[in-house]
Each structure stands twice: as C-alpha cells, then as structure tokens.
N, C-alpha and C. Protein backbone atom coordinates (compact mmCIF):
# COMPACT_ATOMS: atom_id res chain seq x y z
N MET A 1 4.07 -18.61 8.82
CA MET A 1 5.50 -18.40 8.72
C MET A 1 6.10 -18.54 10.12
N THR A 2 7.17 -19.24 10.22
CA THR A 2 7.87 -19.39 11.50
C THR A 2 9.20 -18.65 11.44
N PHE A 3 9.67 -18.27 12.60
CA PHE A 3 10.92 -17.52 12.70
C PHE A 3 11.87 -18.24 13.63
N THR A 4 13.14 -18.16 13.29
CA THR A 4 14.15 -18.82 14.12
C THR A 4 14.79 -17.85 15.12
N SER A 5 14.52 -16.55 14.94
CA SER A 5 15.07 -15.58 15.88
C SER A 5 14.12 -14.39 16.01
N GLU A 6 14.27 -13.70 17.10
CA GLU A 6 13.47 -12.49 17.32
C GLU A 6 13.81 -11.43 16.27
N ALA A 7 15.07 -11.36 15.88
CA ALA A 7 15.50 -10.38 14.88
C ALA A 7 14.81 -10.63 13.54
N ASP A 8 14.69 -11.90 13.13
CA ASP A 8 13.99 -12.23 11.88
C ASP A 8 12.53 -11.81 11.96
N PHE A 9 11.90 -12.07 13.10
CA PHE A 9 10.51 -11.68 13.30
C PHE A 9 10.37 -10.16 13.22
N GLU A 10 11.29 -9.44 13.86
CA GLU A 10 11.23 -7.98 13.86
C GLU A 10 11.34 -7.43 12.45
N VAL A 11 12.26 -7.94 11.66
CA VAL A 11 12.44 -7.48 10.28
C VAL A 11 11.17 -7.75 9.47
N ALA A 12 10.60 -8.94 9.61
CA ALA A 12 9.39 -9.29 8.88
C ALA A 12 8.22 -8.40 9.29
N LEU A 13 8.10 -8.12 10.58
CA LEU A 13 7.03 -7.27 11.07
C LEU A 13 7.17 -5.84 10.54
N ILE A 14 8.36 -5.31 10.58
CA ILE A 14 8.59 -3.95 10.08
C ILE A 14 8.29 -3.87 8.59
N ASN A 15 8.71 -4.87 7.83
CA ASN A 15 8.42 -4.88 6.40
C ASN A 15 6.92 -4.93 6.13
N GLU A 16 6.20 -5.72 6.90
CA GLU A 16 4.75 -5.82 6.73
C GLU A 16 4.07 -4.49 7.09
N LEU A 17 4.52 -3.87 8.17
CA LEU A 17 3.97 -2.56 8.55
C LEU A 17 4.21 -1.53 7.45
N LYS A 18 5.41 -1.53 6.86
CA LYS A 18 5.71 -0.60 5.78
C LYS A 18 4.82 -0.86 4.57
N ASN A 19 4.54 -2.14 4.29
CA ASN A 19 3.64 -2.48 3.19
C ASN A 19 2.23 -1.95 3.44
N LYS A 20 1.86 -1.79 4.70
CA LYS A 20 0.52 -1.30 5.07
C LYS A 20 0.49 0.22 5.24
N GLY A 21 1.61 0.92 4.97
CA GLY A 21 1.63 2.37 5.01
C GLY A 21 2.36 2.99 6.18
N TRP A 22 2.91 2.18 7.06
CA TRP A 22 3.65 2.72 8.21
C TRP A 22 4.93 3.39 7.72
N GLU A 23 5.27 4.51 8.33
CA GLU A 23 6.51 5.20 7.99
C GLU A 23 7.53 4.98 9.09
N ASP A 24 8.75 4.74 8.69
CA ASP A 24 9.83 4.45 9.63
C ASP A 24 10.41 5.74 10.18
N LYS A 25 9.60 6.45 10.99
CA LYS A 25 10.12 7.67 11.61
C LYS A 25 9.83 7.59 13.10
N VAL A 26 10.81 7.98 13.87
CA VAL A 26 10.71 7.90 15.32
C VAL A 26 10.94 9.30 15.87
N LEU A 27 10.10 9.69 16.81
CA LEU A 27 10.31 10.97 17.48
C LEU A 27 11.38 10.77 18.55
N LYS A 28 12.49 11.41 18.40
CA LYS A 28 13.58 11.31 19.38
C LYS A 28 13.40 12.40 20.43
N THR A 29 13.36 11.99 21.68
CA THR A 29 13.14 12.88 22.83
C THR A 29 12.06 13.93 22.53
N PRO A 30 10.84 13.45 22.28
CA PRO A 30 9.77 14.38 21.91
C PRO A 30 9.29 15.22 23.10
N SER A 31 8.88 16.42 22.79
CA SER A 31 8.25 17.28 23.80
C SER A 31 6.76 16.95 23.84
N GLU A 32 6.06 17.51 24.80
CA GLU A 32 4.61 17.31 24.86
C GLU A 32 3.96 17.84 23.58
N ALA A 33 4.43 18.98 23.09
CA ALA A 33 3.90 19.55 21.86
C ALA A 33 4.12 18.62 20.67
N ASP A 34 5.31 17.98 20.60
CA ASP A 34 5.60 17.02 19.52
C ASP A 34 4.62 15.85 19.57
N LEU A 35 4.37 15.33 20.77
CA LEU A 35 3.46 14.20 20.93
C LEU A 35 2.03 14.58 20.56
N LEU A 36 1.60 15.76 20.97
CA LEU A 36 0.25 16.22 20.60
C LEU A 36 0.13 16.42 19.10
N GLN A 37 1.16 16.97 18.47
CA GLN A 37 1.12 17.16 17.02
C GLN A 37 1.09 15.82 16.30
N ASN A 38 1.85 14.85 16.80
CA ASN A 38 1.85 13.52 16.22
C ASN A 38 0.45 12.91 16.32
N TRP A 39 -0.19 13.05 17.48
CA TRP A 39 -1.54 12.54 17.67
C TRP A 39 -2.53 13.25 16.73
N ALA A 40 -2.40 14.58 16.60
CA ALA A 40 -3.25 15.34 15.69
C ALA A 40 -3.06 14.86 14.25
N ASP A 41 -1.82 14.60 13.86
CA ASP A 41 -1.53 14.10 12.51
C ASP A 41 -2.18 12.74 12.28
N ILE A 42 -2.12 11.86 13.28
CA ILE A 42 -2.73 10.54 13.16
C ILE A 42 -4.24 10.66 13.04
N LEU A 43 -4.85 11.50 13.89
CA LEU A 43 -6.30 11.70 13.82
C LEU A 43 -6.69 12.25 12.45
N PHE A 44 -5.91 13.19 11.93
CA PHE A 44 -6.20 13.76 10.61
C PHE A 44 -6.10 12.70 9.52
N GLN A 45 -5.02 11.93 9.53
CA GLN A 45 -4.84 10.91 8.50
C GLN A 45 -5.97 9.88 8.52
N ASN A 46 -6.45 9.54 9.70
CA ASN A 46 -7.51 8.54 9.82
C ASN A 46 -8.90 9.10 9.56
N ASN A 47 -9.04 10.42 9.48
CA ASN A 47 -10.36 11.04 9.36
C ASN A 47 -10.42 12.16 8.34
N ARG A 48 -9.55 12.13 7.36
CA ARG A 48 -9.46 13.26 6.44
C ARG A 48 -10.56 13.27 5.39
N GLY A 49 -11.36 12.23 5.30
CA GLY A 49 -12.40 12.12 4.29
C GLY A 49 -13.45 13.22 4.35
N ILE A 50 -14.20 13.34 3.26
CA ILE A 50 -15.21 14.40 3.14
C ILE A 50 -16.30 14.29 4.20
N ASP A 51 -16.57 13.07 4.67
CA ASP A 51 -17.62 12.88 5.67
C ASP A 51 -17.13 13.11 7.10
N ARG A 52 -15.85 13.43 7.26
CA ARG A 52 -15.31 13.67 8.60
C ARG A 52 -14.65 15.05 8.67
N LEU A 53 -13.39 15.16 8.26
CA LEU A 53 -12.67 16.43 8.36
C LEU A 53 -12.58 17.18 7.03
N ASN A 54 -13.06 16.55 5.96
CA ASN A 54 -13.07 17.18 4.64
C ASN A 54 -11.69 17.71 4.25
N ASP A 55 -10.67 16.91 4.58
CA ASP A 55 -9.28 17.21 4.23
C ASP A 55 -8.75 18.49 4.90
N VAL A 56 -9.34 18.87 6.03
CA VAL A 56 -8.90 20.04 6.79
C VAL A 56 -8.33 19.57 8.13
N PRO A 57 -7.05 19.81 8.40
CA PRO A 57 -6.46 19.35 9.66
C PRO A 57 -7.15 19.99 10.87
N LEU A 58 -7.04 19.33 12.01
CA LEU A 58 -7.59 19.86 13.25
C LEU A 58 -6.85 21.13 13.65
N SER A 59 -7.59 22.13 14.07
CA SER A 59 -6.96 23.35 14.58
C SER A 59 -6.42 23.09 15.98
N ASP A 60 -5.59 24.00 16.45
CA ASP A 60 -5.06 23.87 17.82
C ASP A 60 -6.21 23.87 18.83
N THR A 61 -7.23 24.68 18.58
CA THR A 61 -8.38 24.75 19.48
C THR A 61 -9.13 23.41 19.53
N LYS A 62 -9.37 22.82 18.36
CA LYS A 62 -10.06 21.52 18.31
C LYS A 62 -9.21 20.44 18.97
N MET A 63 -7.91 20.48 18.76
CA MET A 63 -7.04 19.49 19.38
C MET A 63 -7.05 19.65 20.90
N GLN A 64 -7.10 20.88 21.38
CA GLN A 64 -7.17 21.12 22.82
C GLN A 64 -8.48 20.57 23.38
N GLN A 65 -9.57 20.67 22.62
CA GLN A 65 -10.85 20.10 23.05
C GLN A 65 -10.75 18.59 23.18
N ILE A 66 -10.05 17.96 22.25
CA ILE A 66 -9.86 16.50 22.31
C ILE A 66 -9.07 16.13 23.56
N VAL A 67 -8.00 16.88 23.83
CA VAL A 67 -7.19 16.61 25.02
C VAL A 67 -8.03 16.77 26.28
N GLU A 68 -8.79 17.85 26.35
CA GLU A 68 -9.63 18.08 27.53
C GLU A 68 -10.68 16.98 27.69
N LEU A 69 -11.27 16.56 26.58
CA LEU A 69 -12.25 15.47 26.62
C LEU A 69 -11.61 14.19 27.12
N LYS A 70 -10.41 13.92 26.66
CA LYS A 70 -9.69 12.72 27.10
C LYS A 70 -9.42 12.78 28.59
N ILE A 71 -8.99 13.92 29.08
CA ILE A 71 -8.70 14.07 30.50
C ILE A 71 -9.97 13.91 31.32
N LEU A 72 -11.07 14.51 30.87
CA LEU A 72 -12.33 14.44 31.61
C LEU A 72 -12.90 13.03 31.67
N THR A 73 -12.79 12.31 30.59
CA THR A 73 -13.42 10.98 30.55
C THR A 73 -12.54 9.91 31.15
N GLU A 74 -11.22 10.08 31.04
CA GLU A 74 -10.28 9.06 31.50
C GLU A 74 -10.66 7.67 31.00
N THR A 75 -11.15 7.64 29.76
CA THR A 75 -11.57 6.39 29.14
C THR A 75 -10.68 6.12 27.93
N PRO A 76 -9.94 5.01 27.92
CA PRO A 76 -9.04 4.73 26.80
C PRO A 76 -9.75 4.72 25.45
N THR A 77 -11.00 4.29 25.39
CA THR A 77 -11.67 4.18 24.10
C THR A 77 -11.97 5.53 23.46
N ILE A 78 -11.87 6.61 24.21
CA ILE A 78 -12.14 7.92 23.63
C ILE A 78 -11.11 8.28 22.56
N THR A 79 -9.97 7.61 22.55
CA THR A 79 -8.97 7.87 21.51
C THR A 79 -9.39 7.28 20.18
N ASP A 80 -10.48 6.50 20.17
CA ASP A 80 -11.02 5.99 18.91
C ASP A 80 -11.55 7.18 18.12
N SER A 81 -10.92 7.49 17.00
CA SER A 81 -11.26 8.69 16.26
C SER A 81 -12.69 8.69 15.76
N LYS A 82 -13.31 7.53 15.61
CA LYS A 82 -14.70 7.49 15.17
C LYS A 82 -15.62 8.07 16.24
N GLN A 83 -15.19 8.09 17.49
CA GLN A 83 -15.96 8.70 18.56
C GLN A 83 -15.58 10.16 18.75
N VAL A 84 -14.31 10.47 18.62
CA VAL A 84 -13.82 11.81 18.93
C VAL A 84 -14.22 12.83 17.88
N ILE A 85 -13.97 12.54 16.62
CA ILE A 85 -14.15 13.54 15.57
C ILE A 85 -15.60 14.04 15.48
N PRO A 86 -16.61 13.17 15.43
CA PRO A 86 -17.99 13.70 15.37
C PRO A 86 -18.33 14.55 16.59
N TYR A 87 -17.85 14.17 17.76
CA TYR A 87 -18.13 14.93 18.98
C TYR A 87 -17.51 16.32 18.91
N ILE A 88 -16.29 16.41 18.48
CA ILE A 88 -15.58 17.68 18.44
C ILE A 88 -16.13 18.60 17.35
N LEU A 89 -16.56 18.04 16.24
CA LEU A 89 -17.03 18.86 15.12
C LEU A 89 -18.42 19.44 15.37
N ASN A 90 -19.14 18.91 16.33
CA ASN A 90 -20.50 19.42 16.62
C ASN A 90 -20.46 20.62 17.52
C-alpha cells in the first residue's frame, strides 16, 4: 500500500494498531508513578498466563525489584518480559 501523505499513513497505522489490540489512550503529563504503573500493566498483560503470572498482577514490591534490576543492569534488553518475569518470580 502506498500513501500520498503522512496523515494518510498515520491514520492507516493507527487503524492497524487498533486492529492488533492497541488502545487509543495517552498519558497526559504523567508522573513517575503513572509511568511505572503503565509499565506494570504492560508487563502484566504480556505475561498474565498460567505459566507466568497466573493472572495475578505484579505487586508494588515485585515492580520495585524490576526497576532496581533495570537500574543495576543498565541493559535495554532487560525490559524483555520473557527475561524479567522468571527472574523476579524466583
């Protein structure tokens, strides 16, 4: 598919993202707590299965462990939930 304008491309991209489950919600002037909660929600949604979180959201303590692990490693790939969740649950 080709586009004649950036606006047409943007509309098509947003529609495709919505078809894949993206929600059109934006955090307006989020606090650090808002951003951490958003990250916790994303981790939960991506790992809620019985073999990972068993449909139980991350506690504040577990989320703090993830943040500390991220700070200690300073490795972008640690945000990959397939690496984080098993480490934190052990």
